[in-house]
PDB file of all heavy atoms in Angstrom:
ATOM      1  N   ASP A   1     -37.732  33.823 -20.345  1.00  0.00           N
ATOM      2  CA  ASP A   1     -38.733  34.022 -21.393  1.00  0.00           C
ATOM      3  C   ASP A   1     -38.118  34.356 -22.738  1.00  0.00           C
ATOM      4  O   ASP A   1     -38.629  33.953 -23.785  1.00  0.00           O
ATOM      5  CB  ASP A   1     -39.703  35.136 -20.989  1.00  0.00           C
ATOM      6  CG  ASP A   1     -40.652  34.706 -19.885  1.00  0.00           C
ATOM      7  OD1 ASP A   1     -40.902  33.485 -19.754  1.00  0.00           O
ATOM      8  OD2 ASP A   1     -41.143  35.575 -19.146  1.00  0.00           O
ATOM      9  N   THR A   2     -37.023  35.108 -22.737  1.00  0.00           N
ATOM     10  CA  THR A   2     -36.388  35.517 -23.985  1.00  0.00           C
ATOM     11  C   THR A   2     -34.876  35.392 -23.859  1.00  0.00           C
ATOM     12  O   THR A   2     -34.326  35.417 -22.749  1.00  0.00           O
ATOM     13  CB  THR A   2     -36.729  36.979 -24.346  1.00  0.00           C
ATOM     14  OG1 THR A   2     -36.042  37.849 -23.432  1.00  0.00           O
ATOM     15  CG2 THR A   2     -38.232  37.234 -24.278  1.00  0.00           C
ATOM     16  N   PRO A   3     -34.168  35.312 -24.978  1.00  0.00           N
ATOM     17  CA  PRO A   3     -32.700  35.264 -24.919  1.00  0.00           C
ATOM     18  C   PRO A   3     -32.102  36.491 -24.259  1.00  0.00           C
ATOM     19  O   PRO A   3     -31.030  36.414 -23.644  1.00  0.00           O
ATOM     20  CB  PRO A   3     -32.293  35.169 -26.388  1.00  0.00           C
ATOM     21  CG  PRO A   3     -33.483  34.612 -27.088  1.00  0.00           C
ATOM     22  CD  PRO A   3     -34.675  35.131 -26.348  1.00  0.00           C
ATOM     23  N   GLY A   4     -32.781  37.630 -24.371  1.00  0.00           N
ATOM     24  CA  GLY A   4     -32.275  38.850 -23.762  1.00  0.00           C
ATOM     25  C   GLY A   4     -32.242  38.803 -22.250  1.00  0.00           C
ATOM     26  O   GLY A   4     -31.578  39.640 -21.617  1.00  0.00           O
ATOM     27  N   ASP A   5     -32.966  37.840 -21.672  1.00  0.00           N
ATOM     28  CA  ASP A   5     -32.998  37.720 -20.212  1.00  0.00           C
ATOM     29  C   ASP A   5     -31.889  36.827 -19.666  1.00  0.00           C
ATOM     30  O   ASP A   5     -31.780  36.656 -18.448  1.00  0.00           O
ATOM     31  CB  ASP A   5     -34.357  37.147 -19.776  1.00  0.00           C
ATOM     32  CG  ASP A   5     -35.509  38.076 -20.119  1.00  0.00           C
ATOM     33  OD1 ASP A   5     -35.327  39.296 -20.005  1.00  0.00           O
ATOM     34  OD2 ASP A   5     -36.582  37.576 -20.515  1.00  0.00           O
ATOM     35  N   VAL A   6     -31.071  36.248 -20.540  1.00  0.00           N
ATOM     36  CA  VAL A   6     -29.970  35.393 -20.096  1.00  0.00           C
ATOM     37  C   VAL A   6     -28.860  36.276 -19.515  1.00  0.00           C
ATOM     38  O   VAL A   6     -28.517  37.322 -20.071  1.00  0.00           O
ATOM     39  CB  VAL A   6     -29.420  34.549 -21.257  1.00  0.00           C
ATOM     40  CG1 VAL A   6     -28.200  33.752 -20.819  1.00  0.00           C
ATOM     41  CG2 VAL A   6     -30.498  33.615 -21.776  1.00  0.00           C
ATOM     42  N   ALA A   7     -28.291  35.860 -18.405  1.00  0.00           N
ATOM     43  CA  ALA A   7     -27.193  36.605 -17.794  1.00  0.00           C
ATOM     44  C   ALA A   7     -26.036  36.715 -18.773  1.00  0.00           C
ATOM     45  O   ALA A   7     -25.783  35.795 -19.565  1.00  0.00           O
ATOM     46  CB  ALA A   7     -26.735  35.910 -16.512  1.00  0.00           C
ATOM     47  N   PRO A   8     -25.295  37.827 -18.733  1.00  0.00           N
ATOM     48  CA  PRO A   8     -24.252  38.088 -19.738  1.00  0.00           C
ATOM     49  C   PRO A   8     -22.946  37.349 -19.519  1.00  0.00           C
ATOM     50  O   PRO A   8     -22.018  37.493 -20.309  1.00  0.00           O
ATOM     51  CB  PRO A   8     -24.029  39.600 -19.597  1.00  0.00           C
ATOM     52  CG  PRO A   8     -24.320  39.879 -18.153  1.00  0.00           C
ATOM     53  CD  PRO A   8     -25.463  38.945 -17.791  1.00  0.00           C
ATOM     54  N   TRP A   9     -22.858  36.514 -18.508  1.00  0.00           N
ATOM     55  CA  TRP A   9     -21.580  35.892 -18.163  1.00  0.00           C
ATOM     56  C   TRP A   9     -21.017  35.028 -19.281  1.00  0.00           C
ATOM     57  O   TRP A   9     -19.810  34.886 -19.401  1.00  0.00           O
ATOM     58  CB  TRP A   9     -21.729  35.063 -16.889  1.00  0.00           C
ATOM     59  CG  TRP A   9     -22.277  35.847 -15.732  1.00  0.00           C
ATOM     60  CD1 TRP A   9     -21.913  37.111 -15.367  1.00  0.00           C
ATOM     61  CD2 TRP A   9     -23.296  35.441 -14.826  1.00  0.00           C
ATOM     62  NE1 TRP A   9     -22.651  37.528 -14.274  1.00  0.00           N
ATOM     63  CE2 TRP A   9     -23.506  36.518 -13.916  1.00  0.00           C
ATOM     64  CE3 TRP A   9     -24.045  34.279 -14.667  1.00  0.00           C
ATOM     65  CZ2 TRP A   9     -24.433  36.456 -12.883  1.00  0.00           C
ATOM     66  CZ3 TRP A   9     -24.975  34.221 -13.637  1.00  0.00           C
ATOM     67  CH2 TRP A   9     -25.161  35.293 -12.759  1.00  0.00           C
ATOM     68  N   GLY A  10     -21.877  34.424 -20.085  1.00  0.00           N
ATOM     69  CA  GLY A  10     -21.391  33.534 -21.134  1.00  0.00           C
ATOM     70  C   GLY A  10     -21.271  34.191 -22.494  1.00  0.00           C
ATOM     71  O   GLY A  10     -21.288  33.501 -23.518  1.00  0.00           O
ATOM     72  N   ALA A  11     -21.120  35.515 -22.538  1.00  0.00           N
ATOM     73  CA  ALA A  11     -21.099  36.231 -23.813  1.00  0.00           C
ATOM     74  C   ALA A  11     -19.977  35.751 -24.719  1.00  0.00           C
ATOM     75  O   ALA A  11     -20.155  35.625 -25.942  1.00  0.00           O
ATOM     76  CB  ALA A  11     -20.973  37.734 -23.565  1.00  0.00           C
ATOM     77  N   SER A  12     -18.809  35.467 -24.171  1.00  0.00           N
ATOM     78  CA  SER A  12     -17.689  35.031 -25.008  1.00  0.00           C
ATOM     79  C   SER A  12     -17.938  33.644 -25.592  1.00  0.00           C
ATOM     80  O   SER A  12     -17.534  33.353 -26.728  1.00  0.00           O
ATOM     81  CB  SER A  12     -16.395  35.037 -24.197  1.00  0.00           C
ATOM     82  OG  SER A  12     -16.463  34.120 -23.117  1.00  0.00           O
ATOM     83  N   VAL A  13     -18.611  32.782 -24.821  1.00  0.00           N
ATOM     84  CA  VAL A  13     -18.945  31.453 -25.319  1.00  0.00           C
ATOM     85  C   VAL A  13     -19.971  31.555 -26.446  1.00  0.00           C
ATOM     86  O   VAL A  13     -19.874  30.862 -27.470  1.00  0.00           O
ATOM     87  CB  VAL A  13     -19.465  30.560 -24.182  1.00  0.00           C
ATOM     88  CG1 VAL A  13     -19.813  29.169 -24.703  1.00  0.00           C
ATOM     89  CG2 VAL A  13     -18.433  30.454 -23.070  1.00  0.00           C
ATOM     90  N   LEU A  14     -20.948  32.433 -26.271  1.00  0.00           N
ATOM     91  CA  LEU A  14     -21.952  32.647 -27.315  1.00  0.00           C
ATOM     92  C   LEU A  14     -21.296  33.163 -28.589  1.00  0.00           C
ATOM     93  O   LEU A  14     -21.621  32.701 -29.695  1.00  0.00           O
ATOM     94  CB  LEU A  14     -23.012  33.629 -26.821  1.00  0.00           C
ATOM     95  CG  LEU A  14     -24.100  34.010 -27.818  1.00  0.00           C
ATOM     96  CD1 LEU A  14     -24.880  32.790 -28.274  1.00  0.00           C
ATOM     97  CD2 LEU A  14     -25.038  35.053 -27.211  1.00  0.00           C
ATOM     98  N   GLN A  15     -20.371  34.109 -28.444  1.00  0.00           N
ATOM     99  CA  GLN A  15     -19.674  34.636 -29.609  1.00  0.00           C
ATOM    100  C   GLN A  15     -18.913  33.532 -30.340  1.00  0.00           C
ATOM    101  O   GLN A  15     -18.938  33.448 -31.576  1.00  0.00           O
ATOM    102  CB  GLN A  15     -18.708  35.738 -29.192  1.00  0.00           C
ATOM    103  CG  GLN A  15     -17.944  36.350 -30.365  1.00  0.00           C
ATOM    104  CD  GLN A  15     -16.922  37.381 -29.921  1.00  0.00           C
ATOM    105  OE1 GLN A  15     -16.375  37.279 -28.825  1.00  0.00           O
ATOM    106  NE2 GLN A  15     -16.659  38.373 -30.756  1.00  0.00           N
ATOM    107  N   ALA A  16     -18.244  32.662 -29.580  1.00  0.00           N
ATOM    108  CA  ALA A  16     -17.506  31.557 -30.194  1.00  0.00           C
ATOM    109  C   ALA A  16     -18.452  30.625 -30.936  1.00  0.00           C
ATOM    110  O   ALA A  16     -18.119  30.129 -32.028  1.00  0.00           O
ATOM    111  CB  ALA A  16     -16.725  30.798 -29.133  1.00  0.00           C
ATOM    112  N   HIS A  17     -19.623  30.337 -30.362  1.00  0.00           N
ATOM    113  CA  HIS A  17     -20.602  29.486 -31.050  1.00  0.00           C
ATOM    114  C   HIS A  17     -21.018  30.103 -32.371  1.00  0.00           C
ATOM    115  O   HIS A  17     -21.069  29.416 -33.403  1.00  0.00           O
ATOM    116  CB  HIS A  17     -21.824  29.257 -30.159  1.00  0.00           C
ATOM    117  CG  HIS A  17     -21.673  28.117 -29.214  1.00  0.00           C
ATOM    118  ND1 HIS A  17     -20.923  28.191 -28.065  1.00  0.00           N
ATOM    119  CD2 HIS A  17     -22.180  26.849 -29.250  1.00  0.00           C
ATOM    120  CE1 HIS A  17     -20.976  27.036 -27.427  1.00  0.00           C
ATOM    121  NE2 HIS A  17     -21.718  26.207 -28.122  1.00  0.00           N
ATOM    122  N   ARG A  18     -21.321  31.385 -32.364  1.00  0.00           N
ATOM    123  CA  ARG A  18     -21.749  32.030 -33.603  1.00  0.00           C
ATOM    124  C   ARG A  18     -20.638  31.989 -34.647  1.00  0.00           C
ATOM    125  O   ARG A  18     -20.890  31.753 -35.832  1.00  0.00           O
ATOM    126  CB  ARG A  18     -22.169  33.465 -33.309  1.00  0.00           C
ATOM    127  CG  ARG A  18     -23.499  33.568 -32.567  1.00  0.00           C
ATOM    128  CD  ARG A  18     -23.806  34.982 -32.142  1.00  0.00           C
ATOM    129  NE  ARG A  18     -25.161  35.098 -31.594  1.00  0.00           N
ATOM    130  CZ  ARG A  18     -25.606  36.148 -30.904  1.00  0.00           C
ATOM    131  NH1 ARG A  18     -24.790  37.172 -30.679  1.00  0.00           N
ATOM    132  NH2 ARG A  18     -26.846  36.173 -30.441  1.00  0.00           N
ATOM    133  N   GLN A  19     -19.405  32.227 -34.213  1.00  0.00           N
ATOM    134  CA  GLN A  19     -18.292  32.236 -35.158  1.00  0.00           C
ATOM    135  C   GLN A  19     -18.024  30.844 -35.736  1.00  0.00           C
ATOM    136  O   GLN A  19     -17.826  30.688 -36.941  1.00  0.00           O
ATOM    137  CB  GLN A  19     -17.037  32.763 -34.464  1.00  0.00           C
ATOM    138  CG  GLN A  19     -17.110  34.237 -34.091  1.00  0.00           C
ATOM    139  CD  GLN A  19     -15.955  34.665 -33.203  1.00  0.00           C
ATOM    140  OE1 GLN A  19     -15.291  33.826 -32.588  1.00  0.00           O
ATOM    141  NE2 GLN A  19     -15.714  35.962 -33.109  1.00  0.00           N
ATOM    142  N   LEU A  20     -18.016  29.848 -34.874  1.00  0.00           N
ATOM    143  CA  LEU A  20     -17.679  28.498 -35.336  1.00  0.00           C
ATOM    144  C   LEU A  20     -18.808  27.882 -36.152  1.00  0.00           C
ATOM    145  O   LEU A  20     -18.552  27.129 -37.107  1.00  0.00           O
ATOM    146  CB  LEU A  20     -17.322  27.617 -34.140  1.00  0.00           C
ATOM    147  CG  LEU A  20     -15.943  27.923 -33.540  1.00  0.00           C
ATOM    148  CD1 LEU A  20     -15.799  27.307 -32.160  1.00  0.00           C
ATOM    149  CD2 LEU A  20     -14.829  27.421 -34.469  1.00  0.00           C
ATOM    150  N   ILE A  21     -20.048  28.185 -35.804  1.00  0.00           N
ATOM    151  CA  ILE A  21     -21.161  27.699 -36.622  1.00  0.00           C
ATOM    152  C   ILE A  21     -21.145  28.398 -37.978  1.00  0.00           C
ATOM    153  O   ILE A  21     -21.405  27.775 -39.023  1.00  0.00           O
ATOM    154  CB  ILE A  21     -22.498  27.892 -35.895  1.00  0.00           C
ATOM    155  CG1 ILE A  21     -22.564  26.972 -34.666  1.00  0.00           C
ATOM    156  CG2 ILE A  21     -23.671  27.607 -36.831  1.00  0.00           C
ATOM    157  CD1 ILE A  21     -23.766  27.215 -33.769  1.00  0.00           C
ATOM    158  N   ALA A  22     -20.811  29.692 -37.994  1.00  0.00           N
ATOM    159  CA  ALA A  22     -20.695  30.408 -39.269  1.00  0.00           C
ATOM    160  C   ALA A  22     -19.597  29.795 -40.133  1.00  0.00           C
ATOM    161  O   ALA A  22     -19.756  29.646 -41.353  1.00  0.00           O
ATOM    162  CB  ALA A  22     -20.407  31.886 -39.015  1.00  0.00           C
ATOM    163  N   LEU A  23     -18.488  29.413 -39.507  1.00  0.00           N
ATOM    164  CA  LEU A  23     -17.422  28.740 -40.250  1.00  0.00           C
ATOM    165  C   LEU A  23     -17.928  27.438 -40.842  1.00  0.00           C
ATOM    166  O   LEU A  23     -17.658  27.117 -42.008  1.00  0.00           O
ATOM    167  CB  LEU A  23     -16.230  28.500 -39.326  1.00  0.00           C
ATOM    168  CG  LEU A  23     -15.003  27.797 -39.916  1.00  0.00           C
ATOM    169  CD1 LEU A  23     -13.728  28.328 -39.260  1.00  0.00           C
ATOM    170  CD2 LEU A  23     -15.069  26.280 -39.739  1.00  0.00           C
ATOM    171  N   ARG A  24     -18.661  26.705 -40.051  1.00  0.00           N
ATOM    172  CA  ARG A  24     -19.219  25.428 -40.520  1.00  0.00           C
ATOM    173  C   ARG A  24     -20.118  25.643 -41.726  1.00  0.00           C
ATOM    174  O   ARG A  24     -20.105  24.860 -42.688  1.00  0.00           O
ATOM    175  CB  ARG A  24     -20.013  24.778 -39.378  1.00  0.00           C
ATOM    176  CG  ARG A  24     -20.646  23.442 -39.720  1.00  0.00           C
ATOM    177  CD  ARG A  24     -19.640  22.350 -39.610  1.00  0.00           C
ATOM    178  NE  ARG A  24     -20.197  21.032 -39.877  1.00  0.00           N
ATOM    179  CZ  ARG A  24     -19.595  19.912 -39.563  1.00  0.00           C
ATOM    180  NH1 ARG A  24     -18.427  19.932 -38.948  1.00  0.00           N
ATOM    181  NH2 ARG A  24     -20.128  18.747 -39.851  1.00  0.00           N
ATOM    182  N   ARG A  25     -20.888  26.695 -41.706  1.00  0.00           N
ATOM    183  CA  ARG A  25     -21.799  26.964 -42.823  1.00  0.00           C
ATOM    184  C   ARG A  25     -21.035  27.450 -44.057  1.00  0.00           C
ATOM    185  O   ARG A  25     -21.458  27.185 -45.189  1.00  0.00           O
ATOM    186  CB  ARG A  25     -22.847  27.981 -42.391  1.00  0.00           C
ATOM    187  CG  ARG A  25     -23.827  27.437 -41.349  1.00  0.00           C
ATOM    188  CD  ARG A  25     -24.711  28.533 -40.788  1.00  0.00           C
ATOM    189  NE  ARG A  25     -25.641  29.031 -41.785  1.00  0.00           N
ATOM    190  CZ  ARG A  25     -26.926  28.706 -41.838  1.00  0.00           C
ATOM    191  NH1 ARG A  25     -27.443  27.878 -40.955  1.00  0.00           N
ATOM    192  NH2 ARG A  25     -27.717  29.213 -42.763  1.00  0.00           N
ATOM    193  N   ARG A  26     -19.932  28.164 -43.841  1.00  0.00           N
ATOM    194  CA  ARG A  26     -19.136  28.617 -44.992  1.00  0.00           C
ATOM    195  C   ARG A  26     -18.500  27.437 -45.714  1.00  0.00           C
ATOM    196  O   ARG A  26     -18.444  27.398 -46.948  1.00  0.00           O
ATOM    197  CB  ARG A  26     -18.027  29.582 -44.543  1.00  0.00           C
ATOM    198  CG  ARG A  26     -18.488  30.955 -44.183  1.00  0.00           C
ATOM    199  CD  ARG A  26     -17.335  31.956 -44.157  1.00  0.00           C
ATOM    200  NE  ARG A  26     -16.266  31.611 -43.243  1.00  0.00           N
ATOM    201  CZ  ARG A  26     -16.271  31.879 -41.942  1.00  0.00           C
ATOM    202  NH1 ARG A  26     -17.321  32.474 -41.392  1.00  0.00           N
ATOM    203  NH2 ARG A  26     -15.236  31.556 -41.180  1.00  0.00           N
ATOM    204  N   TYR A  27     -18.002  26.493 -44.935  1.00  0.00           N
ATOM    205  CA  TYR A  27     -17.321  25.333 -45.506  1.00  0.00           C
ATOM    206  C   TYR A  27     -18.259  24.127 -45.434  1.00  0.00           C
ATOM    207  O   TYR A  27     -18.109  23.246 -44.593  1.00  0.00           O
ATOM    208  CB  TYR A  27     -16.011  25.073 -44.766  1.00  0.00           C
ATOM    209  CG  TYR A  27     -15.009  26.193 -44.936  1.00  0.00           C
ATOM    210  CD1 TYR A  27     -14.803  27.127 -43.935  1.00  0.00           C
ATOM    211  CD2 TYR A  27     -14.282  26.317 -46.120  1.00  0.00           C
ATOM    212  CE1 TYR A  27     -13.889  28.161 -44.094  1.00  0.00           C
ATOM    213  CE2 TYR A  27     -13.366  27.349 -46.291  1.00  0.00           C
ATOM    214  CZ  TYR A  27     -13.177  28.267 -45.276  1.00  0.00           C
ATOM    215  OH  TYR A  27     -12.270  29.290 -45.444  1.00  0.00           O
ATOM    216  N   ARG A  28     -19.212  24.089 -46.337  1.00  0.00           N
ATOM    217  CA  ARG A  28     -20.258  23.070 -46.296  1.00  0.00           C
ATOM    218  C   ARG A  28     -19.702  21.671 -46.476  1.00  0.00           C
ATOM    219  O   ARG A  28     -20.313  20.693 -46.040  1.00  0.00           O
ATOM    220  CB  ARG A  28     -21.315  23.380 -47.360  1.00  0.00           C
ATOM    221  CG  ARG A  28     -22.055  24.695 -47.122  1.00  0.00           C
ATOM    222  CD  ARG A  28     -23.063  24.980 -48.195  1.00  0.00           C
ATOM    223  NE  ARG A  28     -24.117  23.990 -48.233  1.00  0.00           N
ATOM    224  CZ  ARG A  28     -25.075  23.984 -49.147  1.00  0.00           C
ATOM    225  NH1 ARG A  28     -25.100  24.887 -50.116  1.00  0.00           N
ATOM    226  NH2 ARG A  28     -26.014  23.057 -49.112  1.00  0.00           N
ATOM    227  N   TRP A  29     -18.543  21.568 -47.085  1.00  0.00           N
ATOM    228  CA  TRP A  29     -17.936  20.258 -47.316  1.00  0.00           C
ATOM    229  C   TRP A  29     -17.501  19.591 -46.022  1.00  0.00           C
ATOM    230  O   TRP A  29     -17.205  18.390 -46.012  1.00  0.00           O
ATOM    231  CB  TRP A  29     -16.754  20.374 -48.263  1.00  0.00           C
ATOM    232  CG  TRP A  29     -15.728  21.405 -47.895  1.00  0.00           C
ATOM    233  CD1 TRP A  29     -15.644  22.684 -48.363  1.00  0.00           C
ATOM    234  CD2 TRP A  29     -14.637  21.253 -46.978  1.00  0.00           C
ATOM    235  NE1 TRP A  29     -14.567  23.342 -47.813  1.00  0.00           N
ATOM    236  CE2 TRP A  29     -13.925  22.483 -46.952  1.00  0.00           C
ATOM    237  CE3 TRP A  29     -14.170  20.204 -46.182  1.00  0.00           C
ATOM    238  CZ2 TRP A  29     -12.791  22.699 -46.156  1.00  0.00           C
ATOM    239  CZ3 TRP A  29     -13.050  20.402 -45.387  1.00  0.00           C
ATOM    240  CH2 TRP A  29     -12.377  21.628 -45.376  1.00  0.00           C
ATOM    241  N   LEU A  30     -17.465  20.319 -44.915  1.00  0.00           N
ATOM    242  CA  LEU A  30     -17.046  19.737 -43.643  1.00  0.00           C
ATOM    243  C   LEU A  30     -17.943  18.578 -43.212  1.00  0.00           C
ATOM    244  O   LEU A  30     -17.522  17.722 -42.427  1.00  0.00           O
ATOM    245  CB  LEU A  30     -17.025  20.806 -42.550  1.00  0.00           C
ATOM    246  CG  LEU A  30     -15.817  21.754 -42.553  1.00  0.00           C
ATOM    247  CD1 LEU A  30     -16.062  22.934 -41.620  1.00  0.00           C
ATOM    248  CD2 LEU A  30     -14.546  21.014 -42.153  1.00  0.00           C
ATOM    249  N   VAL A  31     -19.153  18.521 -43.706  1.00  0.00           N
ATOM    250  CA  VAL A  31     -20.092  17.497 -43.259  1.00  0.00           C
ATOM    251  C   VAL A  31     -19.564  16.085 -43.509  1.00  0.00           C
ATOM    252  O   VAL A  31     -19.850  15.155 -42.734  1.00  0.00           O
ATOM    253  CB  VAL A  31     -21.479  17.702 -43.908  1.00  0.00           C
ATOM    254  CG1 VAL A  31     -21.442  17.443 -45.403  1.00  0.00           C
ATOM    255  CG2 VAL A  31     -22.536  16.833 -43.243  1.00  0.00           C
ATOM    256  N   THR A  32     -18.778  15.905 -44.557  1.00  0.00           N
ATOM    257  CA  THR A  32     -18.231  14.575 -44.848  1.00  0.00           C
ATOM    258  C   THR A  32     -16.704  14.567 -44.823  1.00  0.00           C
ATOM    259  O   THR A  32     -16.077  13.632 -45.322  1.00  0.00           O
ATOM    260  CB  THR A  32     -18.719  14.066 -46.217  1.00  0.00           C
ATOM    261  OG1 THR A  32     -18.396  15.045 -47.218  1.00  0.00           O
ATOM    262  CG2 THR A  32     -20.226  13.821 -46.204  1.00  0.00           C
ATOM    263  N   ALA A  33     -16.102  15.593 -44.230  1.00  0.00           N
ATOM    264  CA  ALA A  33     -14.647  15.713 -44.220  1.00  0.00           C
ATOM    265  C   ALA A  33     -14.005  14.712 -43.264  1.00  0.00           C
ATOM    266  O   ALA A  33     -14.601  14.304 -42.260  1.00  0.00           O
ATOM    267  CB  ALA A  33     -14.245  17.128 -43.828  1.00  0.00           C
ATOM    268  N   THR A  34     -12.765  14.345 -43.562  1.00  0.00           N
ATOM    269  CA  THR A  34     -11.986  13.464 -42.692  1.00  0.00           C
ATOM    270  C   THR A  34     -10.776  14.222 -42.153  1.00  0.00           C
ATOM    271  O   THR A  34     -10.371  15.252 -42.696  1.00  0.00           O
ATOM    272  CB  THR A  34     -11.523  12.209 -43.440  1.00  0.00           C
ATOM    273  OG1 THR A  34     -10.789  12.606 -44.605  1.00  0.00           O
ATOM    274  CG2 THR A  34     -12.713  11.358 -43.843  1.00  0.00           C
TER     275      THR A  34
END
């Protein structure tokens, strides 16, 4: 029903997603980068 009900086993993966998505948002030019 809620994100809080998800088992904690994937906490490190979730942290990596938040960090890497934040990086993507900081460097907006990545959208067309080669």
